[in-house]
PDB file of N, CA and C in Angstrom:
ATOM      1  N   MET A   1      78.221 127.173 126.190  1.00  0.00           N
ATOM      2  CA  MET A   1      76.928 126.516 126.104  1.00  0.00           C
ATOM      3  C   MET A   1      75.837 127.499 125.703  1.00  0.00           C
ATOM      4  N   MET A   2      75.942 128.750 126.184  1.00  0.00           N
ATOM      5  CA  MET A   2      74.944 129.750 125.812  1.00  0.00           C
ATOM      6  C   MET A   2      74.992 130.042 124.322  1.00  0.00           C
ATOM      7  N   ALA A   3      76.193 129.979 123.736  1.00  0.00           N
ATOM      8  CA  ALA A   3      76.325 130.231 122.301  1.00  0.00           C
ATOM      9  C   ALA A   3      75.555 129.184 121.504  1.00  0.00           C
ATOM     10  N   VAL A   4      75.619 127.930 121.940  1.00  0.00           N
ATOM     11  CA  VAL A   4      74.887 126.859 121.269  1.00  0.00           C
ATOM     12  C   VAL A   4      73.393 127.111 121.377  1.00  0.00           C
ATOM     13  N   GLY A   5      72.940 127.497 122.567  1.00  0.00           N
ATOM     14  CA  GLY A   5      71.520 127.802 122.751  1.00  0.00           C
ATOM     15  C   GLY A   5      71.080 128.945 121.864  1.00  0.00           C
ATOM     16  N   ALA A   6      71.930 129.956 121.717  1.00  0.00           N
ATOM     17  CA  ALA A   6      71.600 131.090 120.857  1.00  0.00           C
ATOM     18  C   ALA A   6      71.507 130.660 119.401  1.00  0.00           C
ATOM     19  N   LEU A   7      72.393 129.769 118.971  1.00  0.00           N
ATOM     20  CA  LEU A   7      72.348 129.275 117.589  1.00  0.00           C
ATOM     21  C   LEU A   7      71.054 128.514 117.317  1.00  0.00           C
ATOM     22  N   ILE A   8      70.694 127.649 118.256  1.00  0.00           N
ATOM     23  CA  ILE A   8      69.473 126.866 118.068  1.00  0.00           C
ATOM     24  C   ILE A   8      68.242 127.757 118.153  1.00  0.00           C
ATOM     25  N   ALA A   9      68.228 128.708 119.077  1.00  0.00           N
ATOM     26  CA  ALA A   9      67.099 129.640 119.176  1.00  0.00           C
ATOM     27  C   ALA A   9      66.974 130.449 117.888  1.00  0.00           C
ATOM     28  N   GLY A  10      68.084 130.861 117.329  1.00  0.00           N
ATOM     29  CA  GLY A  10      68.061 131.603 116.072  1.00  0.00           C
ATOM     30  C   GLY A  10      67.474 130.779 114.941  1.00  0.00           C
ATOM     31  N   ALA A  11      67.701 129.468 114.972  1.00  0.00           N
ATOM     32  CA  ALA A  11      67.137 128.594 113.950  1.00  0.00           C
ATOM     33  C   ALA A  11      65.618 128.607 114.000  1.00  0.00           C
ATOM     34  N   PHE A  12      65.067 128.660 115.203  1.00  0.00           N
ATOM     35  CA  PHE A  12      63.616 128.686 115.332  1.00  0.00           C
ATOM     36  C   PHE A  12      63.030 130.017 114.870  1.00  0.00           C
ATOM     37  N   LEU A  13      63.786 131.082 115.019  1.00  0.00           N
ATOM     38  CA  LEU A  13      63.295 132.394 114.596  1.00  0.00           C
ATOM     39  C   LEU A  13      63.373 132.571 113.091  1.00  0.00           C
ATOM     40  N   GLY A  14      64.310 131.899 112.438  1.00  0.00           N
ATOM     41  CA  GLY A  14      64.442 131.926 110.990  1.00  0.00           C
ATOM     42  C   GLY A  14      64.681 133.307 110.434  1.00  0.00           C
ATOM     43  N   ALA A  15      65.856 133.534 109.890  1.00  0.00           N
ATOM     44  CA  ALA A  15      66.182 134.844 109.340  1.00  0.00           C
ATOM     45  C   ALA A  15      66.955 134.694 108.050  1.00  0.00           C
ATOM     46  N   GLY A  16      66.662 135.531 107.075  1.00  0.00           N
ATOM     47  CA  GLY A  16      67.462 135.635 105.862  1.00  0.00           C
ATOM     48  C   GLY A  16      67.225 134.537 104.860  1.00  0.00           C
ATOM     49  N   SER A  17      68.058 134.574 103.808  1.00  0.00           N
ATOM     50  CA  SER A  17      67.966 133.607 102.724  1.00  0.00           C
ATOM     51  C   SER A  17      69.017 132.540 102.898  1.00  0.00           C
ATOM     52  N   ARG A  18      68.857 131.462 102.148  1.00  0.00           N
ATOM     53  CA  ARG A  18      69.800 130.357 102.237  1.00  0.00           C
ATOM     54  C   ARG A  18      71.097 130.715 101.541  1.00  0.00           C
ATOM     55  N   GLY A  19      72.181 130.222 102.103  1.00  0.00           N
ATOM     56  CA  GLY A  19      73.489 130.408 101.501  1.00  0.00           C
ATOM     57  C   GLY A  19      74.211 129.086 101.452  1.00  0.00           C
ATOM     58  N   GLY A  20      75.398 129.090 100.886  1.00  0.00           N
ATOM     59  CA  GLY A  20      76.184 127.878 100.782  1.00  0.00           C
ATOM     60  C   GLY A  20      77.043 127.671 102.006  1.00  0.00           C
ATOM     61  N   ALA A  21      77.869 126.658 101.935  1.00  0.00           N
ATOM     62  CA  ALA A  21      78.791 126.377 103.026  1.00  0.00           C
ATOM     63  C   ALA A  21      79.690 127.584 103.261  1.00  0.00           C
ATOM     64  N   GLY A  22      79.983 127.874 104.507  1.00  0.00           N
ATOM     65  CA  GLY A  22      80.831 128.999 104.855  1.00  0.00           C
ATOM     66  C   GLY A  22      80.081 130.292 105.081  1.00  0.00           C
ATOM     67  N   THR A  23      78.784 130.304 104.830  1.00  0.00           N
ATOM     68  CA  THR A  23      77.964 131.493 105.035  1.00  0.00           C
ATOM     69  C   THR A  23      77.548 131.557 106.498  1.00  0.00           C
ATOM     70  N   PRO A  24      77.539 132.741 107.107  1.00  0.00           N
ATOM     71  CA  PRO A  24      77.150 132.821 108.518  1.00  0.00           C
ATOM     72  C   PRO A  24      75.794 132.192 108.789  1.00  0.00           C
ATOM     73  N   TYR A  25      75.694 131.495 109.890  1.00  0.00           N
ATOM     74  CA  TYR A  25      74.495 130.771 110.299  1.00  0.00           C
ATOM     75  C   TYR A  25      73.238 131.626 110.282  1.00  0.00           C
ATOM     76  N   SER A  26      73.299 132.804 110.882  1.00  0.00           N
ATOM     77  CA  SER A  26      72.088 133.602 111.051  1.00  0.00           C
ATOM     78  C   SER A  26      71.476 134.013 109.724  1.00  0.00           C
ATOM     79  N   ALA A  27      72.248 133.973 108.650  1.00  0.00           N
ATOM     80  CA  ALA A  27      71.740 134.371 107.339  1.00  0.00           C
ATOM     81  C   ALA A  27      71.202 133.190 106.546  1.00  0.00           C
ATOM     82  N   THR A  28      71.320 131.960 107.058  1.00  0.00           N
ATOM     83  CA  THR A  28      70.996 130.823 106.211  1.00  0.00           C
ATOM     84  C   THR A  28      70.106 129.748 106.807  1.00  0.00           C
ATOM     85  N   VAL A  29      70.007 129.642 108.109  1.00  0.00           N
ATOM     86  CA  VAL A  29      69.334 128.486 108.699  1.00  0.00           C
ATOM     87  C   VAL A  29      68.212 128.934 109.590  1.00  0.00           C
ATOM     88  N   PRO A  30      67.050 128.424 109.501  1.00  0.00           N
ATOM     89  CA  PRO A  30      66.534 127.636 108.384  1.00  0.00           C
ATOM     90  C   PRO A  30      65.977 128.559 107.305  1.00  0.00           C
ATOM     91  N   ALA A  31      65.749 128.018 106.143  1.00  0.00           N
ATOM     92  CA  ALA A  31      65.142 128.789 105.058  1.00  0.00           C
ATOM     93  C   ALA A  31      63.652 128.974 105.355  1.00  0.00           C
ATOM     94  N   ALA A  32      63.033 129.892 104.662  1.00  0.00           N
ATOM     95  CA  ALA A  32      61.596 130.119 104.839  1.00  0.00           C
ATOM     96  C   ALA A  32      60.844 128.812 104.626  1.00  0.00           C
ATOM     97  N   GLY A  33      59.950 128.493 105.535  1.00  0.00           N
ATOM     98  CA  GLY A  33      59.146 127.279 105.427  1.00  0.00           C
ATOM     99  C   GLY A  33      59.794 126.050 106.050  1.00  0.00           C
ATOM    100  N   GLN A  34      61.033 126.165 106.511  1.00  0.00           N
ATOM    101  CA  GLN A  34      61.683 125.034 107.169  1.00  0.00           C
ATOM    102  C   GLN A  34      61.550 125.160 108.679  1.00  0.00           C
ATOM    103  N   ARG A  35      61.661 124.017 109.354  1.00  0.00           N
ATOM    104  CA  ARG A  35      61.674 124.021 110.811  1.00  0.00           C
ATOM    105  C   ARG A  35      62.731 123.028 111.288  1.00  0.00           C
ATOM    106  N   VAL A  36      63.244 123.252 112.488  1.00  0.00           N
ATOM    107  CA  VAL A  36      64.252 122.379 113.076  1.00  0.00           C
ATOM    108  C   VAL A  36      63.535 121.196 113.720  1.00  0.00           C
ATOM    109  N   GLU A  37      63.809 120.000 113.214  1.00  0.00           N
ATOM    110  CA  GLU A  37      63.207 118.777 113.760  1.00  0.00           C
ATOM    111  C   GLU A  37      64.041 118.228 114.909  1.00  0.00           C
ATOM    112  N   SER A  38      65.375 118.330 114.797  1.00  0.00           N
ATOM    113  CA  SER A  38      66.246 117.858 115.867  1.00  0.00           C
ATOM    114  C   SER A  38      67.604 118.528 115.733  1.00  0.00           C
ATOM    115  N   SER A  39      68.369 118.446 116.811  1.00  0.00           N
ATOM    116  CA  SER A  39      69.727 118.986 116.807  1.00  0.00           C
ATOM    117  C   SER A  39      70.606 118.073 117.651  1.00  0.00           C
ATOM    118  N   ASP A  40      71.895 118.047 117.315  1.00  0.00           N
ATOM    119  CA  ASP A  40      72.845 117.238 118.056  1.00  0.00           C
ATOM    120  C   ASP A  40      74.190 117.960 118.039  1.00  0.00           C
ATOM    121  N   ILE A  41      74.919 117.870 119.120  1.00  0.00           N
ATOM    122  CA  ILE A  41      76.229 118.512 119.232  1.00  0.00           C
ATOM    123  C   ILE A  41      77.275 117.431 119.413  1.00  0.00           C
ATOM    124  N   ASP A  42      78.363 117.526 118.644  1.00  0.00           N
ATOM    125  CA  ASP A  42      79.473 116.588 118.765  1.00  0.00           C
ATOM    126  C   ASP A  42      80.769 117.372 118.617  1.00  0.00           C
ATOM    127  N   GLY A  43      81.469 117.562 119.715  1.00  0.00           N
ATOM    128  CA  GLY A  43      82.712 118.341 119.674  1.00  0.00           C
ATOM    129  C   GLY A  43      82.428 119.777 119.294  1.00  0.00           C
ATOM    130  N   ASN A  44      83.013 120.214 118.199  1.00  0.00           N
ATOM    131  CA  ASN A  44      82.819 121.596 117.749  1.00  0.00           C
ATOM    132  C   ASN A  44      81.862 121.694 116.565  1.00  0.00           C
ATOM    133  N   ARG A  45      80.952 120.726 116.441  1.00  0.00           N
ATOM    134  CA  ARG A  45      79.985 120.713 115.349  1.00  0.00           C
ATOM    135  C   ARG A  45      78.563 120.579 115.887  1.00  0.00           C
ATOM    136  N   ILE A  46      77.631 121.226 115.203  1.00  0.00           N
ATOM    137  CA  ILE A  46      76.203 121.083 115.496  1.00  0.00           C
ATOM    138  C   ILE A  46      75.549 120.502 114.251  1.00  0.00           C
ATOM    139  N   LEU A  47      74.732 119.479 114.425  1.00  0.00           N
ATOM    140  CA  LEU A  47      73.975 118.901 113.322  1.00  0.00           C
ATOM    141  C   LEU A  47      72.511 119.261 113.523  1.00  0.00           C
ATOM    142  N   LEU A  48      71.916 119.915 112.541  1.00  0.00           N
ATOM    143  CA  LEU A  48      70.490 120.237 112.573  1.00  0.00           C
ATOM    144  C   LEU A  48      69.775 119.411 111.515  1.00  0.00           C
ATOM    145  N   ARG A  49      68.647 118.816 111.872  1.00  0.00           N
ATOM    146  CA  ARG A  49      67.798 118.146 110.885  1.00  0.00           C
ATOM    147  C   ARG A  49      66.610 119.068 110.648  1.00  0.00           C
ATOM    148  N   LEU A  50      66.502 119.553 109.420  1.00  0.00           N
ATOM    149  CA  LEU A  50      65.451 120.492 109.050  1.00  0.00           C
ATOM    150  C   LEU A  50      64.420 119.794 108.180  1.00  0.00           C
ATOM    151  N   SER A  51      63.172 120.242 108.261  1.00  0.00           N
ATOM    152  CA  SER A  51      62.140 119.736 107.358  1.00  0.00           C
ATOM    153  C   SER A  51      61.307 120.903 106.878  1.00  0.00           C
ATOM    154  N   GLY A  52      60.707 120.704 105.729  1.00  0.00           N
ATOM    155  CA  GLY A  52      59.867 121.749 105.149  1.00  0.00           C
ATOM    156  C   GLY A  52      59.286 121.284 103.835  1.00  0.00           C
ATOM    157  N   GLY A  53      58.828 122.232 103.044  1.00  0.00           N
ATOM    158  CA  GLY A  53      58.189 121.932 101.774  1.00  0.00           C
ATOM    159  C   GLY A  53      59.066 121.199 100.790  1.00  0.00           C
ATOM    160  N   ASP A  54      60.387 121.377 100.883  1.00  0.00           N
ATOM    161  CA  ASP A  54      61.318 120.722  99.969  1.00  0.00           C
ATOM    162  C   ASP A  54      61.860 119.414 100.522  1.00  0.00           C
ATOM    163  N   GLY A  55      61.282 118.895 101.581  1.00  0.00           N
ATOM    164  CA  GLY A  55      61.756 117.656 102.181  1.00  0.00           C
ATOM    165  C   GLY A  55      62.655 117.926 103.373  1.00  0.00           C
ATOM    166  N   GLN A  56      63.557 116.989 103.634  1.00  0.00           N
ATOM    167  CA  GLN A  56      64.436 117.105 104.782  1.00  0.00           C
ATOM    168  C   GLN A  56      65.855 117.433 104.348  1.00  0.00           C
ATOM    169  N   GLU A  57      66.578 118.096 105.256  1.00  0.00           N
ATOM    170  CA  GLU A  57      67.952 118.489 104.991  1.00  0.00           C
ATOM    171  C   GLU A  57      68.733 118.421 106.299  1.00  0.00           C
ATOM    172  N   LEU A  58      69.979 117.968 106.216  1.00  0.00           N
ATOM    173  CA  LEU A  58      70.892 117.984 107.355  1.00  0.00           C
ATOM    174  C   LEU A  58      71.862 119.131 107.151  1.00  0.00           C
ATOM    175  N   VAL A  59      72.079 119.921 108.199  1.00  0.00           N
ATOM    176  CA  VAL A  59      72.981 121.060 108.125  1.00  0.00           C
ATOM    177  C   VAL A  59      73.998 120.928 109.254  1.00  0.00           C
ATOM    178  N   VAL A  60      75.277 121.031 108.898  1.00  0.00           N
ATOM    179  CA  VAL A  60      76.358 120.960 109.880  1.00  0.00           C
ATOM    180  C   VAL A  60      76.902 122.362 110.090  1.00  0.00           C
ATOM    181  N   LEU A  61      76.948 122.799 111.368  1.00  0.00           N
ATOM    182  CA  LEU A  61      77.431 124.128 111.725  1.00  0.00           C
ATOM    183  C   LEU A  61      78.681 124.025 112.586  1.00  0.00           C
ATOM    184  N   ASP A  62      79.564 125.003 112.468  1.00  0.00           N
ATOM    185  CA  ASP A  62      80.715 125.132 113.357  1.00  0.00           C
ATOM    186  C   ASP A  62      80.251 125.847 114.620  1.00  0.00           C
ATOM    187  N   VAL A  63      80.520 125.279 115.786  1.00  0.00           N
ATOM    188  CA  VAL A  63      80.062 125.859 117.050  1.00  0.00           C
ATOM    189  C   VAL A  63      80.675 127.237 117.292  1.00  0.00           C
ATOM    190  N   ALA A  64      81.964 127.379 117.048  1.00  0.00           N
ATOM    191  CA  ALA A  64      82.665 128.619 117.371  1.00  0.00           C
ATOM    192  C   ALA A  64      82.248 129.798 116.497  1.00  0.00           C
ATOM    193  N   THR A  65      82.015 129.545 115.212  1.00  0.00           N
ATOM    194  CA  THR A  65      81.733 130.651 114.289  1.00  0.00           C
ATOM    195  C   THR A  65      80.277 130.729 113.857  1.00  0.00           C
ATOM    196  N   GLY A  66      79.541 129.611 113.997  1.00  0.00           N
ATOM    197  CA  GLY A  66      78.165 129.588 113.532  1.00  0.00           C
ATOM    198  C   GLY A  66      78.050 129.436 112.026  1.00  0.00           C
ATOM    199  N   ARG A  67      79.153 129.191 111.359  1.00  0.00           N
ATOM    200  CA  ARG A  67      79.141 129.049 109.902  1.00  0.00           C
ATOM    201  C   ARG A  67      78.653 127.667 109.478  1.00  0.00           C
ATOM    202  N   VAL A  68      77.972 127.635 108.334  1.00  0.00           N
ATOM    203  CA  VAL A  68      77.517 126.388 107.753  1.00  0.00           C
ATOM    204  C   VAL A  68      78.718 125.680 107.135  1.00  0.00           C
ATOM    205  N   ILE A  69      78.989 124.463 107.574  1.00  0.00           N
ATOM    206  CA  ILE A  69      80.090 123.677 107.052  1.00  0.00           C
ATOM    207  C   ILE A  69      79.620 122.817 105.891  1.00  0.00           C
ATOM    208  N   GLY A  70      78.402 122.318 105.979  1.00  0.00           N
ATOM    209  CA  GLY A  70      77.883 121.469 104.910  1.00  0.00           C
ATOM    210  C   GLY A  70      76.388 121.300 105.010  1.00  0.00           C
ATOM    211  N   ARG A  71      75.812 120.926 103.876  1.00  0.00           N
ATOM    212  CA  ARG A  71      74.380 120.661 103.774  1.00  0.00           C
ATOM    213  C   ARG A  71      74.179 119.357 103.026  1.00  0.00           C
ATOM    214  N   ILE A  72      73.264 118.525 103.518  1.00  0.00           N
ATOM    215  CA  ILE A  72      72.958 117.254 102.846  1.00  0.00           C
ATOM    216  C   ILE A  72      71.456 117.179 102.679  1.00  0.00           C
ATOM    217  N   LYS A  73      71.012 117.096 101.446  1.00  0.00           N
ATOM    218  CA  LYS A  73      69.587 116.943 101.142  1.00  0.00           C
ATOM    219  C   LYS A  73      69.220 115.468 101.333  1.00  0.00           C
ATOM    220  N   VAL A  74      68.223 115.186 102.152  1.00  0.00           N
ATOM    221  CA  VAL A  74      67.791 113.818 102.422  1.00  0.00           C
ATOM    222  C   VAL A  74      66.681 113.464 101.437  1.00  0.00           C
ATOM    223  N   GLN A  75      66.890 112.421 100.659  1.00  0.00           N
ATOM    224  CA  GLN A  75      65.912 112.010  99.647  1.00  0.00           C
ATOM    225  C   GLN A  75      64.878 111.082 100.221  1.00  0.00           C
TER     226      GLN A  75
END
């Protein structure tokens, strides 16, 4: 549970540039100018809803590794 809290806390601190799926979490989420609007945990996945200047985006993370599994741009 602490690992999940650390992942979400890291999202609020924002570090690094955006990467694609499979890139470590701490280097990609959120991008500059984005903020975490909500988060949800289901099994071994974390869903983050991000918002910022480019609109909204959903990001799916693996709980165990913190890696980005997928990104969905919300139109």
